[in-house]
Every structure is written in structure tokens, then in C-alpha cells.
N, C-alpha and C. Protein backbone atom coordinates (compact mmCIF):
# COMPACT_ATOMS: atom_id res chain seq x y z
N MET A 1 -32.70 -2.07 17.21
CA MET A 1 -32.78 -2.23 15.77
C MET A 1 -32.88 -0.87 15.08
N GLU A 2 -33.54 0.06 15.73
CA GLU A 2 -33.68 1.39 15.15
C GLU A 2 -32.33 2.09 15.07
N ALA A 3 -31.50 1.89 16.09
CA ALA A 3 -30.17 2.50 16.11
C ALA A 3 -29.31 1.93 14.99
N GLU A 4 -29.46 0.64 14.74
CA GLU A 4 -28.69 0.00 13.67
C GLU A 4 -29.10 0.58 12.31
N ALA A 5 -30.37 0.81 12.11
CA ALA A 5 -30.85 1.40 10.86
C ALA A 5 -30.32 2.83 10.70
N GLU A 6 -30.25 3.55 11.80
CA GLU A 6 -29.73 4.92 11.77
C GLU A 6 -28.24 4.91 11.38
N ILE A 7 -27.50 3.99 11.96
CA ILE A 7 -26.07 3.88 11.64
C ILE A 7 -25.89 3.49 10.17
N ARG A 8 -26.67 2.50 9.72
CA ARG A 8 -26.58 2.05 8.33
C ARG A 8 -26.87 3.21 7.38
N CYS A 9 -27.86 3.98 7.69
CA CYS A 9 -28.23 5.13 6.85
C CYS A 9 -27.10 6.15 6.81
N ALA A 10 -26.50 6.42 7.96
CA ALA A 10 -25.40 7.39 8.04
C ALA A 10 -24.19 6.89 7.24
N VAL A 11 -23.86 5.61 7.38
CA VAL A 11 -22.71 5.05 6.68
C VAL A 11 -22.94 5.04 5.17
N ILE A 12 -24.11 4.63 4.76
CA ILE A 12 -24.39 4.58 3.32
C ILE A 12 -24.43 5.96 2.70
N SER A 13 -24.97 6.93 3.42
CA SER A 13 -24.97 8.30 2.87
C SER A 13 -23.55 8.85 2.80
N LEU A 14 -22.70 8.44 3.72
CA LEU A 14 -21.29 8.84 3.68
C LEU A 14 -20.60 8.21 2.47
N LEU A 15 -20.85 6.92 2.26
CA LEU A 15 -20.23 6.20 1.16
C LEU A 15 -20.79 6.61 -0.21
N ALA A 16 -21.95 7.23 -0.22
CA ALA A 16 -22.53 7.68 -1.48
C ALA A 16 -21.73 8.83 -2.09
N ARG A 17 -21.02 9.57 -1.26
CA ARG A 17 -20.25 10.72 -1.73
C ARG A 17 -18.89 10.32 -2.29
N ARG A 18 -18.20 9.41 -1.59
CA ARG A 18 -16.89 8.93 -2.04
C ARG A 18 -16.54 7.66 -1.28
N GLU A 19 -15.47 7.00 -1.70
CA GLU A 19 -15.00 5.80 -1.01
C GLU A 19 -14.35 6.20 0.33
N TYR A 20 -14.58 5.39 1.34
CA TYR A 20 -13.94 5.55 2.64
C TYR A 20 -13.38 4.21 3.06
N SER A 21 -12.27 4.22 3.77
CA SER A 21 -11.76 2.98 4.35
C SER A 21 -12.59 2.67 5.60
N ARG A 22 -12.59 1.42 5.99
CA ARG A 22 -13.33 1.02 7.17
C ARG A 22 -12.82 1.78 8.40
N ALA A 23 -11.51 1.94 8.50
CA ALA A 23 -10.92 2.65 9.64
C ALA A 23 -11.39 4.10 9.70
N GLU A 24 -11.52 4.75 8.55
CA GLU A 24 -12.00 6.13 8.52
C GLU A 24 -13.42 6.23 9.05
N ILE A 25 -14.27 5.31 8.62
CA ILE A 25 -15.67 5.32 9.06
C ILE A 25 -15.75 5.05 10.56
N GLU A 26 -14.97 4.07 11.01
CA GLU A 26 -14.96 3.76 12.45
C GLU A 26 -14.52 4.96 13.26
N GLN A 27 -13.48 5.64 12.78
CA GLN A 27 -12.98 6.82 13.49
C GLN A 27 -14.02 7.94 13.50
N LYS A 28 -14.68 8.11 12.37
CA LYS A 28 -15.66 9.19 12.26
C LYS A 28 -16.85 8.99 13.20
N TYR A 29 -17.31 7.75 13.33
CA TYR A 29 -18.51 7.47 14.11
C TYR A 29 -18.23 6.82 15.47
N ARG A 30 -16.99 6.73 15.87
CA ARG A 30 -16.61 6.07 17.12
C ARG A 30 -17.32 6.67 18.34
N ASN A 31 -17.35 7.97 18.41
CA ASN A 31 -17.94 8.64 19.58
C ASN A 31 -19.45 8.85 19.45
N LYS A 32 -19.96 8.71 18.25
CA LYS A 32 -21.38 9.00 18.02
C LYS A 32 -22.27 7.77 18.23
N TYR A 33 -21.76 6.60 17.86
CA TYR A 33 -22.58 5.39 17.92
C TYR A 33 -21.89 4.31 18.76
N ASP A 34 -22.68 3.32 19.16
CA ASP A 34 -22.17 2.18 19.91
C ASP A 34 -21.20 1.39 19.03
N GLU A 35 -20.07 1.02 19.61
CA GLU A 35 -19.00 0.37 18.85
C GLU A 35 -19.44 -0.98 18.28
N GLU A 36 -20.16 -1.75 19.07
CA GLU A 36 -20.61 -3.07 18.64
C GLU A 36 -21.59 -2.97 17.47
N LEU A 37 -22.54 -2.04 17.58
CA LEU A 37 -23.50 -1.84 16.48
C LEU A 37 -22.80 -1.35 15.21
N LEU A 38 -21.87 -0.43 15.40
CA LEU A 38 -21.13 0.11 14.25
C LEU A 38 -20.36 -1.00 13.55
N THR A 39 -19.72 -1.87 14.32
CA THR A 39 -18.98 -2.99 13.75
C THR A 39 -19.90 -3.91 12.96
N ARG A 40 -21.05 -4.20 13.52
CA ARG A 40 -22.02 -5.07 12.85
C ARG A 40 -22.50 -4.44 11.54
N VAL A 41 -22.80 -3.14 11.56
CA VAL A 41 -23.27 -2.45 10.35
C VAL A 41 -22.17 -2.42 9.30
N LEU A 42 -20.92 -2.15 9.71
CA LEU A 42 -19.81 -2.12 8.75
C LEU A 42 -19.56 -3.50 8.15
N ASP A 43 -19.71 -4.54 8.95
CA ASP A 43 -19.57 -5.90 8.41
C ASP A 43 -20.61 -6.17 7.33
N LYS A 44 -21.86 -5.77 7.59
CA LYS A 44 -22.93 -5.95 6.60
C LYS A 44 -22.66 -5.11 5.35
N CYS A 45 -22.16 -3.90 5.55
CA CYS A 45 -21.85 -3.04 4.40
C CYS A 45 -20.76 -3.66 3.53
N GLN A 46 -19.79 -4.30 4.17
CA GLN A 46 -18.74 -4.96 3.41
C GLN A 46 -19.28 -6.19 2.68
N GLU A 47 -20.13 -6.96 3.35
CA GLU A 47 -20.74 -8.14 2.73
C GLU A 47 -21.57 -7.75 1.51
N ASN A 48 -22.30 -6.65 1.60
CA ASN A 48 -23.15 -6.19 0.50
C ASN A 48 -22.39 -5.41 -0.57
N GLY A 49 -21.12 -5.14 -0.33
CA GLY A 49 -20.30 -4.45 -1.32
C GLY A 49 -20.40 -2.94 -1.28
N TYR A 50 -21.01 -2.39 -0.24
CA TYR A 50 -21.10 -0.93 -0.14
C TYR A 50 -19.75 -0.32 0.24
N GLN A 51 -19.02 -1.02 1.09
CA GLN A 51 -17.72 -0.53 1.55
C GLN A 51 -16.68 -1.59 1.26
N SER A 52 -15.55 -1.16 0.70
CA SER A 52 -14.47 -2.09 0.37
C SER A 52 -13.13 -1.38 0.54
N ASP A 53 -12.28 -1.94 1.39
CA ASP A 53 -10.93 -1.37 1.54
C ASP A 53 -10.12 -1.57 0.27
N GLN A 54 -10.40 -2.65 -0.46
CA GLN A 54 -9.73 -2.92 -1.73
C GLN A 54 -10.03 -1.79 -2.72
N ARG A 55 -11.30 -1.46 -2.86
CA ARG A 55 -11.71 -0.38 -3.77
C ARG A 55 -11.14 0.95 -3.32
N PHE A 56 -11.13 1.19 -2.01
CA PHE A 56 -10.58 2.44 -1.49
C PHE A 56 -9.09 2.53 -1.81
N ALA A 57 -8.36 1.44 -1.62
CA ALA A 57 -6.92 1.43 -1.89
C ALA A 57 -6.64 1.69 -3.37
N GLU A 58 -7.42 1.08 -4.24
CA GLU A 58 -7.26 1.31 -5.68
C GLU A 58 -7.51 2.77 -6.03
N MET A 59 -8.55 3.34 -5.45
CA MET A 59 -8.88 4.75 -5.69
C MET A 59 -7.77 5.65 -5.16
N LEU A 60 -7.25 5.32 -3.98
CA LEU A 60 -6.19 6.13 -3.38
C LEU A 60 -4.94 6.14 -4.26
N VAL A 61 -4.53 4.97 -4.72
CA VAL A 61 -3.34 4.88 -5.57
C VAL A 61 -3.56 5.65 -6.87
N ARG A 62 -4.69 5.45 -7.50
CA ARG A 62 -5.00 6.14 -8.76
C ARG A 62 -5.02 7.65 -8.56
N SER A 63 -5.66 8.09 -7.50
CA SER A 63 -5.80 9.51 -7.22
C SER A 63 -4.45 10.16 -6.92
N LYS A 64 -3.67 9.53 -6.06
CA LYS A 64 -2.39 10.13 -5.65
C LYS A 64 -1.35 10.10 -6.76
N THR A 65 -1.34 9.05 -7.58
CA THR A 65 -0.39 9.07 -8.70
C THR A 65 -0.80 10.15 -9.70
N GLY A 66 -2.08 10.34 -9.88
CA GLY A 66 -2.56 11.39 -10.77
C GLY A 66 -2.23 12.79 -10.28
N GLN A 67 -2.12 12.94 -8.96
CA GLN A 67 -1.78 14.22 -8.37
C GLN A 67 -0.27 14.45 -8.30
N GLY A 68 0.52 13.45 -8.72
CA GLY A 68 1.96 13.61 -8.73
C GLY A 68 2.65 13.23 -7.44
N TYR A 69 2.14 12.23 -6.76
CA TYR A 69 2.78 11.75 -5.53
C TYR A 69 3.50 10.45 -5.81
N GLY A 70 4.58 10.22 -5.07
CA GLY A 70 5.38 9.03 -5.24
C GLY A 70 4.97 7.91 -4.30
N LEU A 71 5.67 6.80 -4.43
CA LEU A 71 5.37 5.59 -3.68
C LEU A 71 5.37 5.80 -2.17
N LEU A 72 6.39 6.45 -1.67
CA LEU A 72 6.51 6.63 -0.21
C LEU A 72 5.35 7.44 0.35
N ARG A 73 4.95 8.46 -0.36
CA ARG A 73 3.86 9.31 0.09
C ARG A 73 2.52 8.57 0.03
N ILE A 74 2.35 7.74 -0.98
CA ILE A 74 1.11 6.97 -1.10
C ILE A 74 1.02 5.94 0.02
N LEU A 75 2.14 5.28 0.32
CA LEU A 75 2.14 4.32 1.42
C LEU A 75 1.84 5.01 2.75
N GLN A 76 2.41 6.17 2.94
CA GLN A 76 2.18 6.94 4.17
C GLN A 76 0.70 7.35 4.27
N GLU A 77 0.13 7.80 3.19
CA GLU A 77 -1.27 8.22 3.18
C GLU A 77 -2.19 7.03 3.44
N GLY A 78 -1.87 5.90 2.84
CA GLY A 78 -2.66 4.70 3.06
C GLY A 78 -2.63 4.25 4.51
N LYS A 79 -1.46 4.33 5.11
CA LYS A 79 -1.31 3.97 6.52
C LYS A 79 -2.14 4.91 7.39
N ARG A 80 -2.11 6.19 7.07
CA ARG A 80 -2.87 7.19 7.82
C ARG A 80 -4.38 6.94 7.70
N LYS A 81 -4.81 6.42 6.56
CA LYS A 81 -6.22 6.15 6.34
C LYS A 81 -6.64 4.78 6.85
N GLY A 82 -5.69 4.02 7.41
CA GLY A 82 -6.02 2.72 8.00
C GLY A 82 -6.04 1.57 7.03
N ILE A 83 -5.34 1.68 5.93
CA ILE A 83 -5.29 0.61 4.93
C ILE A 83 -4.08 -0.27 5.20
N ASN A 84 -4.29 -1.57 5.10
CA ASN A 84 -3.22 -2.54 5.28
C ASN A 84 -2.14 -2.31 4.21
N GLU A 85 -0.88 -2.29 4.63
CA GLU A 85 0.22 -1.99 3.71
C GLU A 85 0.33 -3.02 2.59
N SER A 86 0.09 -4.29 2.90
CA SER A 86 0.17 -5.32 1.85
C SER A 86 -0.93 -5.13 0.80
N LEU A 87 -2.12 -4.73 1.23
CA LEU A 87 -3.21 -4.45 0.30
C LEU A 87 -2.86 -3.27 -0.60
N LEU A 88 -2.27 -2.25 -0.01
CA LEU A 88 -1.88 -1.06 -0.76
C LEU A 88 -0.79 -1.40 -1.78
N LYS A 89 0.20 -2.19 -1.36
CA LYS A 89 1.28 -2.59 -2.27
C LYS A 89 0.75 -3.44 -3.41
N GLU A 90 -0.25 -4.27 -3.10
CA GLU A 90 -0.88 -5.09 -4.13
C GLU A 90 -1.56 -4.21 -5.18
N CYS A 91 -2.26 -3.19 -4.73
CA CYS A 91 -2.92 -2.25 -5.66
C CYS A 91 -1.90 -1.48 -6.49
N ILE A 92 -0.81 -1.10 -5.87
CA ILE A 92 0.25 -0.39 -6.59
C ILE A 92 0.85 -1.31 -7.64
N GLN A 93 1.06 -2.57 -7.26
CA GLN A 93 1.62 -3.56 -8.19
C GLN A 93 0.70 -3.77 -9.39
N GLU A 94 -0.60 -3.80 -9.15
CA GLU A 94 -1.57 -3.98 -10.24
C GLU A 94 -1.54 -2.81 -11.22
N GLN A 95 -1.43 -1.60 -10.68
CA GLN A 95 -1.47 -0.41 -11.54
C GLN A 95 -0.12 -0.12 -12.19
N GLN A 96 0.95 -0.61 -11.61
CA GLN A 96 2.31 -0.47 -12.12
C GLN A 96 2.66 0.93 -12.60
N PRO A 97 2.59 1.92 -11.73
CA PRO A 97 2.98 3.26 -12.17
C PRO A 97 4.50 3.34 -12.38
N ASP A 98 4.90 4.12 -13.35
CA ASP A 98 6.32 4.35 -13.61
C ASP A 98 6.73 5.56 -12.77
N TRP A 99 7.37 5.31 -11.64
CA TRP A 99 7.71 6.37 -10.69
C TRP A 99 8.69 7.37 -11.29
N PHE A 100 9.61 6.90 -12.12
CA PHE A 100 10.57 7.80 -12.75
C PHE A 100 9.84 8.75 -13.71
N GLU A 101 8.89 8.20 -14.46
CA GLU A 101 8.11 9.02 -15.39
C GLU A 101 7.24 10.02 -14.64
N LEU A 102 6.61 9.59 -13.55
CA LEU A 102 5.78 10.50 -12.76
C LEU A 102 6.61 11.63 -12.17
N ALA A 103 7.78 11.30 -11.66
CA ALA A 103 8.67 12.34 -11.10
C ALA A 103 9.09 13.32 -12.19
N THR A 104 9.37 12.81 -13.38
CA THR A 104 9.77 13.67 -14.49
C THR A 104 8.64 14.60 -14.90
N LEU A 105 7.44 14.05 -15.03
CA LEU A 105 6.29 14.89 -15.41
C LEU A 105 6.02 15.98 -14.37
N LEU A 106 6.11 15.62 -13.10
CA LEU A 106 5.91 16.60 -12.03
C LEU A 106 6.98 17.67 -12.09
N SER A 107 8.22 17.26 -12.31
CA SER A 107 9.33 18.20 -12.39
C SER A 107 9.14 19.17 -13.55
N GLN A 108 8.73 18.65 -14.69
CA GLN A 108 8.51 19.51 -15.87
C GLN A 108 7.35 20.47 -15.66
N ARG A 109 6.32 19.99 -14.98
CA ARG A 109 5.15 20.83 -14.73
C ARG A 109 5.45 21.92 -13.70
N LYS A 110 6.23 21.57 -12.69
CA LYS A 110 6.49 22.49 -11.58
C LYS A 110 7.60 23.49 -11.91
N PHE A 111 8.65 23.01 -12.55
CA PHE A 111 9.83 23.85 -12.80
C PHE A 111 9.96 24.13 -14.29
N LYS A 112 9.60 25.32 -14.66
CA LYS A 112 9.60 25.69 -16.09
C LYS A 112 11.00 26.01 -16.62
N GLU A 113 11.86 26.58 -15.77
CA GLU A 113 13.18 26.97 -16.24
C GLU A 113 14.22 25.91 -15.90
N LYS A 114 15.27 25.90 -16.68
CA LYS A 114 16.36 24.93 -16.54
C LYS A 114 17.14 25.19 -15.26
N THR A 115 17.66 24.13 -14.66
CA THR A 115 18.49 24.26 -13.47
C THR A 115 19.95 24.32 -13.89
N ASP A 116 20.64 25.35 -13.46
CA ASP A 116 22.07 25.45 -13.73
C ASP A 116 22.79 24.51 -12.78
N LYS A 117 23.68 23.67 -13.31
CA LYS A 117 24.39 22.70 -12.47
C LYS A 117 25.22 23.38 -11.39
N GLN A 118 25.61 24.63 -11.62
CA GLN A 118 26.42 25.36 -10.64
C GLN A 118 25.58 25.85 -9.46
N ASP A 119 24.30 26.00 -9.69
CA ASP A 119 23.41 26.52 -8.65
C ASP A 119 22.91 25.36 -7.77
N ARG A 120 23.74 24.93 -6.84
CA ARG A 120 23.44 23.79 -5.98
C ARG A 120 22.21 24.05 -5.10
N LYS A 121 22.06 25.30 -4.68
CA LYS A 121 20.94 25.63 -3.79
C LYS A 121 19.60 25.38 -4.48
N LEU A 122 19.47 25.84 -5.72
CA LEU A 122 18.24 25.65 -6.48
C LEU A 122 18.02 24.16 -6.78
N TYR A 123 19.09 23.47 -7.15
CA TYR A 123 19.00 22.04 -7.44
C TYR A 123 18.54 21.26 -6.21
N GLU A 124 19.13 21.55 -5.06
CA GLU A 124 18.76 20.86 -3.82
C GLU A 124 17.33 21.19 -3.40
N LYS A 125 16.90 22.41 -3.66
CA LYS A 125 15.52 22.79 -3.35
C LYS A 125 14.55 21.96 -4.17
N ARG A 126 14.87 21.76 -5.43
CA ARG A 126 14.01 20.97 -6.31
C ARG A 126 14.02 19.49 -5.91
N VAL A 127 15.17 19.01 -5.53
CA VAL A 127 15.26 17.61 -5.06
C VAL A 127 14.42 17.44 -3.80
N ARG A 128 14.52 18.39 -2.88
CA ARG A 128 13.73 18.31 -1.64
C ARG A 128 12.23 18.32 -1.95
N PHE A 129 11.82 19.12 -2.93
CA PHE A 129 10.41 19.14 -3.31
C PHE A 129 9.95 17.76 -3.77
N LEU A 130 10.73 17.15 -4.66
CA LEU A 130 10.36 15.82 -5.16
C LEU A 130 10.40 14.77 -4.05
N LEU A 131 11.35 14.88 -3.15
CA LEU A 131 11.42 13.95 -2.01
C LEU A 131 10.19 14.12 -1.12
N SER A 132 9.76 15.35 -0.93
CA SER A 132 8.59 15.59 -0.07
C SER A 132 7.32 15.06 -0.70
N ARG A 133 7.33 14.87 -2.01
CA ARG A 133 6.17 14.31 -2.70
C ARG A 133 6.19 12.78 -2.70
N GLY A 134 7.23 12.19 -2.09
CA GLY A 134 7.26 10.74 -1.93
C GLY A 134 8.10 9.99 -2.93
N PHE A 135 8.91 10.70 -3.70
CA PHE A 135 9.80 10.04 -4.65
C PHE A 135 11.14 9.76 -3.99
N SER A 136 11.84 8.75 -4.49
CA SER A 136 13.15 8.42 -3.94
C SER A 136 14.18 9.41 -4.50
N TYR A 137 15.37 9.41 -3.91
CA TYR A 137 16.41 10.31 -4.37
C TYR A 137 16.79 10.00 -5.82
N GLU A 138 16.87 8.71 -6.16
CA GLU A 138 17.22 8.31 -7.52
C GLU A 138 16.18 8.81 -8.52
N GLN A 139 14.92 8.71 -8.15
CA GLN A 139 13.85 9.19 -9.04
C GLN A 139 13.91 10.70 -9.21
N ALA A 140 14.16 11.42 -8.11
CA ALA A 140 14.25 12.88 -8.17
C ALA A 140 15.44 13.31 -9.03
N LYS A 141 16.57 12.67 -8.83
CA LYS A 141 17.77 13.00 -9.60
C LYS A 141 17.55 12.73 -11.08
N TYR A 142 16.97 11.59 -11.39
CA TYR A 142 16.67 11.23 -12.77
C TYR A 142 15.73 12.26 -13.41
N ALA A 143 14.69 12.63 -12.69
CA ALA A 143 13.70 13.56 -13.22
C ALA A 143 14.31 14.93 -13.51
N LEU A 144 15.13 15.42 -12.61
CA LEU A 144 15.74 16.74 -12.80
C LEU A 144 16.74 16.72 -13.95
N GLU A 145 17.52 15.65 -14.06
CA GLU A 145 18.48 15.55 -15.15
C GLU A 145 17.77 15.46 -16.50
N LEU A 146 16.72 14.66 -16.56
CA LEU A 146 15.97 14.51 -17.80
C LEU A 146 15.27 15.81 -18.18
N ALA A 147 14.72 16.49 -17.21
CA ALA A 147 14.05 17.76 -17.47
C ALA A 147 15.05 18.80 -17.98
N ASN A 148 16.25 18.81 -17.42
CA ASN A 148 17.29 19.74 -17.88
C ASN A 148 17.72 19.42 -19.31
N ASN A 149 17.85 18.14 -19.62
CA ASN A 149 18.26 17.74 -20.98
C ASN A 149 17.21 18.12 -22.01
N GLU A 150 15.95 18.00 -21.65
CA GLU A 150 14.87 18.32 -22.59
C GLU A 150 14.71 19.82 -22.80
N MET A 151 15.16 20.61 -21.83
CA MET A 151 15.05 22.08 -21.97
C MET A 151 16.18 22.66 -22.80
N GLU A 152 17.21 21.87 -23.05
CA GLU A 152 18.34 22.38 -23.84
C GLU A 152 18.02 22.49 -25.29
């Protein structure tokens, strides 16, 4: 019983700082505590509302869209953090971010000067940047074209 209290204390102090997915907590404490006790403590934490994958997924989507990441990157990050893909998609659906608008804002913030249509190398570099942030090719192309039109 004492070990369970120690685990509960460790988990709650961890969750006091920020949201964590259940998988993250399990991974963090896998080698430190007994797996069965850890599972029991995490179940109680979920029942009491201390830990919620739903809340974590909402926070992740809000945070990553605010940082200028696209859908693909958010899904990848959620998978890495152990969040169910359907739960993540549900949170994205609720928040309904405009991916084209996000890509455009990121493009305007990152690239101050206009892209010359003749300079394919620079254009492709910018497209690759937006793709690496998780936006689709259509979103990247739209963002760069709109940013160029607004700079004229």
C-alpha cells in the first residue's frame, strides 16, 4: 500500500506541471515501479479526473496548431505520445482549424520577402519547409501563392 501511495504521489506531482498521456506516464515509470501497481494507480487517476487522454489530445492539438504545425505533424506527434488516432482526429474535428490559413500565416511569418516564380530552388525550399511542418502540398502551394500575392 505504501508503494501505491508513492506512485500516486509521483504521478500527481507530474500531472501538476502539465498534461501527460497515459502512455507517457507508463513509459516514464515503467522501470521504476511495479507495472501492476502503476496500472492500478493510473486507473484511479483517470477515474478521479487527474489524468485524461482526451484533455491531453485537446491540449496537443491546440498547442501544435498555435505553433504552426499541420495535420500530418499533429497526428504523428499524437501517435508518438501514445494517443489513439481516432481520439486525436475527434479533437481536431472539434477545434476545426483552417489548415490553409495556418499554412499561410506560417509562410508570412517565416518568409518576409516575395518568392520569384523563376527561382524554383527557393520556391521548392519553402514548400519543403511547409511540408516538414505537416501541411499537405496543396496547403503549402496555396500559402506561398497567397503570400506572394499579398506582398505585391
